C-alpha atoms as a PDB file:
ATOM      1  CA  UNK A   1     -32.329   3.863  21.924  1.00  0.00           C
ATOM      2  CA  UNK A   2     -32.698   1.479  18.195  1.00  0.00           C
ATOM      3  CA  UNK A   3     -30.079  -0.645  16.544  1.00  0.00           C
ATOM      4  CA  UNK A   4     -30.213   0.132  13.086  1.00  0.00           C
ATOM      5  CA  UNK A   5     -32.519  -2.755  13.086  1.00  0.00           C
ATOM      6  CA  UNK A   6     -30.659  -5.227  13.298  1.00  0.00           C
ATOM      7  CA  UNK A   7     -31.530  -9.026  12.161  1.00  0.00           C
ATOM      8  CA  UNK A   8     -30.280 -10.202  16.190  1.00  0.00           C
ATOM      9  CA  UNK A   9     -32.623  -9.662  18.983  1.00  0.00           C
ATOM     10  CA  UNK A  10     -29.985  -9.728  21.526  1.00  0.00           C
ATOM     11  CA  UNK A  11     -28.166  -7.281  19.956  1.00  0.00           C
ATOM     12  CA  UNK A  12     -29.936  -3.997  21.242  1.00  0.00           C
ATOM     13  CA  UNK A  13     -29.562  -5.380  24.475  1.00  0.00           C
ATOM     14  CA  UNK A  14     -25.646  -6.341  24.220  1.00  0.00           C
ATOM     15  CA  UNK A  15     -25.372  -3.073  23.095  1.00  0.00           C
ATOM     16  CA  UNK A  16     -27.261  -1.132  25.714  1.00  0.00           C
ATOM     17  CA  UNK A  17     -25.389  -3.358  28.049  1.00  0.00           C
ATOM     18  CA  UNK A  18     -22.148  -2.234  27.266  1.00  0.00           C
ATOM     19  CA  UNK A  19     -23.168   1.082  26.715  1.00  0.00           C
ATOM     20  CA  UNK A  20     -24.086   1.491  30.800  1.00  0.00           C
ATOM     21  CA  UNK A  21     -20.906  -0.765  31.823  1.00  0.00           C
ATOM     22  CA  UNK A  22     -18.595   2.186  29.975  1.00  0.00           C
ATOM     23  CA  UNK A  23     -20.318   5.477  30.539  1.00  0.00           C
ATOM     24  CA  UNK A  24     -18.282   7.967  32.865  1.00  0.00           C
ATOM     25  CA  UNK A  25     -15.486   5.816  32.505  1.00  0.00           C
ATOM     26  CA  UNK A  26     -13.637   7.127  29.095  1.00  0.00           C
ATOM     27  CA  UNK A  27     -13.112  10.566  31.433  1.00  0.00           C
ATOM     28  CA  UNK A  28      -9.079   8.951  30.681  1.00  0.00           C
ATOM     29  CA  UNK A  29      -7.597   7.864  27.432  1.00  0.00           C
ATOM     30  CA  UNK A  30      -6.520   4.914  29.781  1.00  0.00           C
ATOM     31  CA  UNK A  31      -9.185   4.248  31.033  1.00  0.00           C
ATOM     32  CA  UNK A  32     -10.744   4.425  27.749  1.00  0.00           C
ATOM     33  CA  UNK A  33      -8.321   2.398  25.990  1.00  0.00           C
ATOM     34  CA  UNK A  34      -8.553  -0.721  28.331  1.00  0.00           C
ATOM     35  CA  UNK A  35     -12.373  -0.956  27.932  1.00  0.00           C
ATOM     36  CA  UNK A  36     -12.933  -0.902  24.580  1.00  0.00           C
ATOM     37  CA  UNK A  37      -9.754  -3.972  23.954  1.00  0.00           C
ATOM     38  CA  UNK A  38     -12.149  -5.425  27.681  1.00  0.00           C
ATOM     39  CA  UNK A  39     -15.124  -5.108  24.729  1.00  0.00           C
ATOM     40  CA  UNK A  40     -13.344  -5.740  21.914  1.00  0.00           C
ATOM     41  CA  UNK A  41     -12.123  -9.397  23.123  1.00  0.00           C
ATOM     42  CA  UNK A  42     -15.966  -9.923  24.393  1.00  0.00           C
ATOM     43  CA  UNK A  43     -18.083  -8.262  21.312  1.00  0.00           C
ATOM     44  CA  UNK A  44     -18.593  -8.974  17.803  1.00  0.00           C
ATOM     45  CA  UNK A  45     -17.778  -5.971  15.012  1.00  0.00           C
ATOM     46  CA  UNK A  46     -20.768  -4.942  14.094  1.00  0.00           C
ATOM     47  CA  UNK A  47     -21.468  -4.296  18.571  1.00  0.00           C
ATOM     48  CA  UNK A  48     -18.426  -2.108  18.500  1.00  0.00           C
ATOM     49  CA  UNK A  49     -19.461  -0.669  15.473  1.00  0.00           C
ATOM     50  CA  UNK A  50     -22.871   0.424  17.864  1.00  0.00           C
ATOM     51  CA  UNK A  51     -21.237   0.802  20.576  1.00  0.00           C
ATOM     52  CA  UNK A  52     -18.732   4.029  19.099  1.00  0.00           C
ATOM     53  CA  UNK A  53     -21.619   5.862  17.133  1.00  0.00           C
ATOM     54  CA  UNK A  54     -23.489   5.667  20.385  1.00  0.00           C
ATOM     55  CA  UNK A  55     -20.353   6.756  22.666  1.00  0.00           C
ATOM     56  CA  UNK A  56     -18.993   9.257  19.551  1.00  0.00           C
ATOM     57  CA  UNK A  57     -19.865  11.371  22.317  1.00  0.00           C
ATOM     58  CA  UNK A  58     -18.742  10.319  25.719  1.00  0.00           C
ATOM     59  CA  UNK A  59     -15.098   9.028  23.836  1.00  0.00           C
ATOM     60  CA  UNK A  60     -12.074  11.186  24.922  1.00  0.00           C
ATOM     61  CA  UNK A  61      -9.646  13.667  22.212  1.00  0.00           C
ATOM     62  CA  UNK A  62      -7.675  11.299  20.136  1.00  0.00           C
ATOM     63  CA  UNK A  63      -4.579  12.072  17.573  1.00  0.00           C
ATOM     64  CA  UNK A  64      -5.718   8.823  16.207  1.00  0.00           C
ATOM     65  CA  UNK A  65      -8.393   7.129  15.494  1.00  0.00           C
ATOM     66  CA  UNK A  66      -8.054   3.671  13.527  1.00  0.00           C
ATOM     67  CA  UNK A  67     -10.939   1.237  12.319  1.00  0.00           C
ATOM     68  CA  UNK A  68      -9.890  -2.282  12.510  1.00  0.00           C
ATOM     69  CA  UNK A  69     -11.792  -4.812  10.759  1.00  0.00           C
ATOM     70  CA  UNK A  70     -14.957  -2.753  11.458  1.00  0.00           C
ATOM     71  CA  UNK A  71     -16.328  -1.053   8.584  1.00  0.00           C
ATOM     72  CA  UNK A  72     -17.597  -4.291   6.782  1.00  0.00           C
ATOM     73  CA  UNK A  73     -19.224  -5.635   9.461  1.00  0.00           C
ATOM     74  CA  UNK A  74     -21.560  -2.225  10.308  1.00  0.00           C
ATOM     75  CA  UNK A  75     -24.274  -1.553   8.054  1.00  0.00           C
ATOM     76  CA  UNK A  76     -24.382   2.324   8.437  1.00  0.00           C
ATOM     77  CA  UNK A  77     -20.797   3.901   7.313  1.00  0.00           C
ATOM     78  CA  UNK A  78     -22.080   7.752   7.502  1.00  0.00           C
ATOM     79  CA  UNK A  79     -22.286   7.592  11.105  1.00  0.00           C
ATOM     80  CA  UNK A  80     -19.280   5.334  12.045  1.00  0.00           C
ATOM     81  CA  UNK A  81     -17.351   7.656  10.325  1.00  0.00           C
ATOM     82  CA  UNK A  82     -18.715  10.431  11.827  1.00  0.00           C
ATOM     83  CA  UNK A  83     -18.117   9.315  15.411  1.00  0.00           C
ATOM     84  CA  UNK A  84     -15.014   7.983  14.471  1.00  0.00           C
ATOM     85  CA  UNK A  85     -13.916  11.085  13.814  1.00  0.00           C
ATOM     86  CA  UNK A  86     -15.547  13.231  16.572  1.00  0.00           C
ATOM     87  CA  UNK A  87     -12.957  13.274  18.948  1.00  0.00           C
ATOM     88  CA  UNK A  88     -11.159  15.199  16.448  1.00  0.00           C
ATOM     89  CA  UNK A  89      -7.908  13.294  15.253  1.00  0.00           C
ATOM     90  CA  UNK A  90      -5.137  14.668  12.921  1.00  0.00           C
ATOM     91  CA  UNK A  91      -5.086  11.549  11.466  1.00  0.00           C
ATOM     92  CA  UNK A  92      -7.502   8.240  11.251  1.00  0.00           C
ATOM     93  CA  UNK A  93      -6.656   4.756  10.001  1.00  0.00           C
ATOM     94  CA  UNK A  94      -8.816   2.791   7.636  1.00  0.00           C
ATOM     95  CA  UNK A  95      -9.307  -1.117   7.308  1.00  0.00           C
ATOM     96  CA  UNK A  96     -11.520  -2.980   5.287  1.00  0.00           C
ATOM     97  CA  UNK A  97     -11.906  -5.004   1.840  1.00  0.00           C
ATOM     98  CA  UNK A  98     -11.446  -3.658  -1.397  1.00  0.00           C
ATOM     99  CA  UNK A  99     -14.255  -2.815  -1.948  1.00  0.00           C
ATOM    100  CA  UNK A 100     -13.826  -4.322  -6.111  1.00  0.00           C
ATOM    101  CA  UNK A 101     -16.659  -6.740  -8.428  1.00  0.00           C
ATOM    102  CA  UNK A 102     -14.821 -10.264  -6.630  1.00  0.00           C
ATOM    103  CA  UNK A 103     -15.027  -9.379  -2.964  1.00  0.00           C
ATOM    104  CA  UNK A 104     -18.578  -7.894  -3.048  1.00  0.00           C
ATOM    105  CA  UNK A 105     -19.542 -11.147  -5.519  1.00  0.00           C
ATOM    106  CA  UNK A 106     -17.312 -13.371  -2.676  1.00  0.00           C
ATOM    107  CA  UNK A 107     -19.536 -10.999   0.166  1.00  0.00           C
ATOM    108  CA  UNK A 108     -22.754 -11.714  -1.336  1.00  0.00           C
ATOM    109  CA  UNK A 109     -22.270 -15.550  -1.686  1.00  0.00           C
ATOM    110  CA  UNK A 110     -21.378 -15.152   2.363  1.00  0.00           C
ATOM    111  CA  UNK A 111     -24.283 -13.169   3.360  1.00  0.00           C
ATOM    112  CA  UNK A 112     -26.559 -15.365   1.633  1.00  0.00           C
ATOM    113  CA  UNK A 113     -24.720 -19.078   3.106  1.00  0.00           C
ATOM    114  CA  UNK A 114     -24.625 -17.099   6.194  1.00  0.00           C
ATOM    115  CA  UNK A 115     -28.697 -16.261   5.813  1.00  0.00           C
ATOM    116  CA  UNK A 116     -29.072 -20.230   5.361  1.00  0.00           C
ATOM    117  CA  UNK A 117     -27.695 -20.829   8.324  1.00  0.00           C
ATOM    118  CA  UNK A 118     -28.761 -18.848  10.525  1.00  0.00           C
ATOM    119  CA  UNK A 119     -25.755 -17.505  10.855  1.00  0.00           C
ATOM    120  CA  UNK A 120     -25.117 -13.816  13.044  1.00  0.00           C
ATOM    121  CA  UNK A 121     -23.048 -12.672  10.259  1.00  0.00           C
ATOM    122  CA  UNK A 122     -23.808 -10.020   7.937  1.00  0.00           C
ATOM    123  CA  UNK A 123     -21.316  -8.382   6.067  1.00  0.00           C
ATOM    124  CA  UNK A 124     -20.699  -4.971   4.052  1.00  0.00           C
ATOM    125  CA  UNK A 125     -18.745  -3.693   1.718  1.00  0.00           C
ATOM    126  CA  UNK A 126     -18.621   0.086   1.162  1.00  0.00           C
ATOM    127  CA  UNK A 127     -17.356   2.236  -1.669  1.00  0.00           C
ATOM    128  CA  UNK A 128     -14.449   3.464  -1.482  1.00  0.00           C
ATOM    129  CA  UNK A 129     -15.922   6.925  -3.286  1.00  0.00           C
ATOM    130  CA  UNK A 130     -18.121   6.997  -0.370  1.00  0.00           C
ATOM    131  CA  UNK A 131     -15.034   6.407   2.381  1.00  0.00           C
ATOM    132  CA  UNK A 132     -12.954   9.487   1.104  1.00  0.00           C
ATOM    133  CA  UNK A 133     -15.933  11.587   0.162  1.00  0.00           C
ATOM    134  CA  UNK A 134     -17.318  11.644   3.998  1.00  0.00           C
ATOM    135  CA  UNK A 135     -13.239  11.920   5.218  1.00  0.00           C
ATOM    136  CA  UNK A 136     -12.868  14.410   2.598  1.00  0.00           C
ATOM    137  CA  UNK A 137     -16.299  16.296   3.754  1.00  0.00           C
ATOM    138  CA  UNK A 138     -14.407  16.562   7.680  1.00  0.00           C
ATOM    139  CA  UNK A 139     -11.201  17.781   5.827  1.00  0.00           C
ATOM    140  CA  UNK A 140      -9.110  14.999   5.989  1.00  0.00           C
ATOM    141  CA  UNK A 141      -7.376  13.964   2.924  1.00  0.00           C
ATOM    142  CA  UNK A 142      -5.704  10.189   1.917  1.00  0.00           C
ATOM    143  CA  UNK A 143      -2.284   9.660   2.397  1.00  0.00           C
ATOM    144  CA  UNK A 144      -1.577   6.396   2.318  1.00  0.00           C
ATOM    145  CA  UNK A 145      -3.313   3.604   0.694  1.00  0.00           C
ATOM    146  CA  UNK A 146      -2.255   0.057   0.830  1.00  0.00           C
ATOM    147  CA  UNK A 147      -3.045  -4.259   2.743  1.00  0.00           C
ATOM    148  CA  UNK A 148      -3.008  -6.691   0.322  1.00  0.00           C
ATOM    149  CA  UNK A 149      -5.403  -7.868  -2.976  1.00  0.00           C
ATOM    150  CA  UNK A 150      -7.704  -8.439  -0.507  1.00  0.00           C
ATOM    151  CA  UNK A 151      -7.916  -5.765   2.334  1.00  0.00           C
ATOM    152  CA  UNK A 152      -7.397  -2.309   1.615  1.00  0.00           C
ATOM    153  CA  UNK A 153      -5.173   0.141   3.977  1.00  0.00           C
ATOM    154  CA  UNK A 154      -5.826   3.734   4.770  1.00  0.00           C
ATOM    155  CA  UNK A 155      -4.810   6.565   6.146  1.00  0.00           C
ATOM    156  CA  UNK A 156      -5.889  10.269   6.074  1.00  0.00           C
ATOM    157  CA  UNK A 157      -4.909  12.705   7.288  1.00  0.00           C
ATOM    158  CA  UNK A 158      -6.678  16.841   8.178  1.00  0.00           C
END
């Protein structure tokens, strides 16, 4: 398994360890939720996005899927959204930064600063039109669009 050419060499190893720990333990939704909460508390959002993508076939069926502040940390939007809707949800809730010009500029500057300081963080501003298109192709329509000046909160229904 490769992990998206990550800038951090330890990330692929951490993802493989987490994947091995979770494999075969996702049959019961309450077990899956507890495990994913534990993973969320110990891993960064980019790794969580990678886990969702890598374990998509093993995730239990779900009526509602939420991706809270994960989209902006994961570079492969299409793969992440495909994995998120794989369990067949009726509703998908997302929170991610607005794709306004000033948020794109801010994130670009933040990413430059991270690179200069050799911080592992890297953020992505994905276009709302791309999210709408990818989820729309899967039969989802937006039913709520809210949030703050910086964060979009949007719910899609199939």
